[in-house]
Amino acid sequence: MQPLLERPAVPEPAPSPSDPQELLAQVRQFLATCRTAALATADAEGTPHAANVQYAQDDALRLYWVSSPDSTHSRHLAQRPTAAVTVYA
């Protein structure tokens, strides 16, 4: 039986820079190039929620976004001030 789809070859990961300053420069460049992140929060009982947000970053690599205080993730952060963020291209 033939597979329905051929899986593409998985590329080898790029080598990580050994110089911490070079890694920091790459992270800054990635964050400056991308502008969308998935923000994951949870309510007081632990029920998860994810939302896409547009962000900006500062020199310390902190991410900022603007949301309505009535949004689900804003309400969650008011109840439980922890979150996870994934930045993607």
C-alpha atoms as a PDB file:
ATOM      1  CA  MET A   1       0.000   0.000   0.000  1.00  0.00           C
ATOM      2  CA  GLN A   2       1.378   3.406  -1.010  1.00  0.00           C
ATOM      3  CA  PRO A   3       1.243   6.312   1.472  1.00  0.00           C
ATOM      4  CA  LEU A   4      -1.268   8.996   0.547  1.00  0.00           C
ATOM      5  CA  LEU A   5       1.233  11.790   1.031  1.00  0.00           C
ATOM      6  CA  GLU A   6       4.986  11.862   0.967  1.00  0.00           C
ATOM      7  CA  ARG A   7       6.405  13.546   4.030  1.00  0.00           C
ATOM      8  CA  PRO A   8       8.942  16.256   3.232  1.00  0.00           C
ATOM      9  CA  ALA A   9      12.439  15.791   4.558  1.00  0.00           C
ATOM     10  CA  VAL A  10      12.999  17.546   7.865  1.00  0.00           C
ATOM     11  CA  PRO A  11      15.858  20.050   7.496  1.00  0.00           C
ATOM     12  CA  GLU A  12      18.776  19.893   9.878  1.00  0.00           C
ATOM     13  CA  PRO A  13      18.597  22.621  12.538  1.00  0.00           C
ATOM     14  CA  ALA A  14      20.939  25.538  12.061  1.00  0.00           C
ATOM     15  CA  PRO A  15      23.898  25.471  14.420  1.00  0.00           C
ATOM     16  CA  SER A  16      23.514  27.700  17.458  1.00  0.00           C
ATOM     17  CA  PRO A  17      26.030  30.499  17.724  1.00  0.00           C
ATOM     18  CA  SER A  18      28.631  29.897  20.413  1.00  0.00           C
ATOM     19  CA  ASP A  19      28.915  33.621  21.142  1.00  0.00           C
ATOM     20  CA  PRO A  20      26.144  34.786  23.519  1.00  0.00           C
ATOM     21  CA  GLN A  21      26.155  38.256  21.924  1.00  0.00           C
ATOM     22  CA  GLU A  22      25.594  36.697  18.498  1.00  0.00           C
ATOM     23  CA  LEU A  23      22.676  34.658  19.863  1.00  0.00           C
ATOM     24  CA  LEU A  24      21.211  37.802  21.429  1.00  0.00           C
ATOM     25  CA  ALA A  25      21.557  39.623  18.099  1.00  0.00           C
ATOM     26  CA  GLN A  26      19.754  36.773  16.326  1.00  0.00           C
ATOM     27  CA  VAL A  27      16.926  36.815  18.882  1.00  0.00           C
ATOM     28  CA  ARG A  28      16.558  40.592  18.527  1.00  0.00           C
ATOM     29  CA  GLN A  29      16.487  40.274  14.729  1.00  0.00           C
ATOM     30  CA  PHE A  30      13.863  37.512  14.894  1.00  0.00           C
ATOM     31  CA  LEU A  31      11.646  39.524  17.237  1.00  0.00           C
ATOM     32  CA  ALA A  32      12.027  42.639  15.076  1.00  0.00           C
ATOM     33  CA  THR A  33      11.138  40.701  11.920  1.00  0.00           C
ATOM     34  CA  CYS A  34       8.117  38.875  13.325  1.00  0.00           C
ATOM     35  CA  ARG A  35       5.184  40.714  14.830  1.00  0.00           C
ATOM     36  CA  THR A  36       2.696  37.994  15.785  1.00  0.00           C
ATOM     37  CA  ALA A  37       2.719  35.882  18.926  1.00  0.00           C
ATOM     38  CA  ALA A  38       0.432  33.321  20.496  1.00  0.00           C
ATOM     39  CA  LEU A  39      -0.385  34.366  24.051  1.00  0.00           C
ATOM     40  CA  ALA A  40      -1.509  31.542  26.338  1.00  0.00           C
ATOM     41  CA  THR A  41      -3.243  32.340  29.616  1.00  0.00           C
ATOM     42  CA  ALA A  42      -5.487  30.532  32.079  1.00  0.00           C
ATOM     43  CA  ASP A  43      -8.357  31.651  34.258  1.00  0.00           C
ATOM     44  CA  ALA A  44      -8.418  31.326  38.050  1.00  0.00           C
ATOM     45  CA  GLU A  45      -9.500  27.671  37.787  1.00  0.00           C
ATOM     46  CA  GLY A  46      -6.758  26.857  35.267  1.00  0.00           C
ATOM     47  CA  THR A  47      -8.868  26.727  32.100  1.00  0.00           C
ATOM     48  CA  PRO A  48      -6.481  27.611  29.258  1.00  0.00           C
ATOM     49  CA  HIS A  49      -6.982  30.169  26.518  1.00  0.00           C
ATOM     50  CA  ALA A  50      -4.778  31.173  23.576  1.00  0.00           C
ATOM     51  CA  ALA A  51      -4.973  34.325  21.467  1.00  0.00           C
ATOM     52  CA  ASN A  52      -2.859  35.797  18.701  1.00  0.00           C
ATOM     53  CA  VAL A  53      -1.487  39.236  19.516  1.00  0.00           C
ATOM     54  CA  GLN A  54       0.601  41.770  17.635  1.00  0.00           C
ATOM     55  CA  TYR A  55       3.557  42.860  19.746  1.00  0.00           C
ATOM     56  CA  ALA A  56       6.512  45.205  20.051  1.00  0.00           C
ATOM     57  CA  GLN A  57       9.672  44.579  22.052  1.00  0.00           C
ATOM     58  CA  ASP A  58      12.116  46.737  23.950  1.00  0.00           C
ATOM     59  CA  ASP A  59      15.916  46.493  24.281  1.00  0.00           C
ATOM     60  CA  ALA A  60      15.555  44.082  27.221  1.00  0.00           C
ATOM     61  CA  LEU A  61      13.505  41.741  24.966  1.00  0.00           C
ATOM     62  CA  ARG A  62      10.293  42.342  26.900  1.00  0.00           C
ATOM     63  CA  LEU A  63       7.207  41.981  24.706  1.00  0.00           C
ATOM     64  CA  TYR A  64       4.312  44.465  24.769  1.00  0.00           C
ATOM     65  CA  TRP A  65       0.870  44.278  23.214  1.00  0.00           C
ATOM     66  CA  VAL A  66      -2.298  46.333  23.437  1.00  0.00           C
ATOM     67  CA  SER A  67      -5.569  44.602  24.272  1.00  0.00           C
ATOM     68  CA  SER A  68      -8.933  45.552  25.616  1.00  0.00           C
ATOM     69  CA  PRO A  69      -9.223  45.083  29.382  1.00  0.00           C
ATOM     70  CA  ASP A  70     -12.388  43.089  28.578  1.00  0.00           C
ATOM     71  CA  SER A  71     -10.565  40.541  26.387  1.00  0.00           C
ATOM     72  CA  THR A  72     -10.364  37.006  27.729  1.00  0.00           C
ATOM     73  CA  HIS A  73      -6.570  37.073  28.064  1.00  0.00           C
ATOM     74  CA  SER A  74      -6.637  40.446  29.851  1.00  0.00           C
ATOM     75  CA  ARG A  75      -9.209  39.154  32.333  1.00  0.00           C
ATOM     76  CA  HIS A  76      -7.135  35.999  32.837  1.00  0.00           C
ATOM     77  CA  LEU A  77      -3.959  38.005  33.466  1.00  0.00           C
ATOM     78  CA  ALA A  78      -5.818  40.112  36.038  1.00  0.00           C
ATOM     79  CA  GLN A  79      -6.820  36.901  37.860  1.00  0.00           C
ATOM     80  CA  ARG A  80      -3.628  34.926  37.320  1.00  0.00           C
ATOM     81  CA  PRO A  81      -0.616  37.008  36.195  1.00  0.00           C
ATOM     82  CA  THR A  82       1.227  34.262  34.314  1.00  0.00           C
ATOM     83  CA  ALA A  83       1.370  33.571  30.597  1.00  0.00           C
ATOM     84  CA  ALA A  84       3.308  31.740  27.932  1.00  0.00           C
ATOM     85  CA  VAL A  85       4.190  33.330  24.591  1.00  0.00           C
ATOM     86  CA  THR A  86       5.249  31.766  21.306  1.00  0.00           C
ATOM     87  CA  VAL A  87       6.555  34.068  18.583  1.00  0.00           C
ATOM     88  CA  TYR A  88       6.287  32.690  15.080  1.00  0.00           C
ATOM     89  CA  ALA A  89       7.151  33.799  11.599  1.00  0.00           C
END
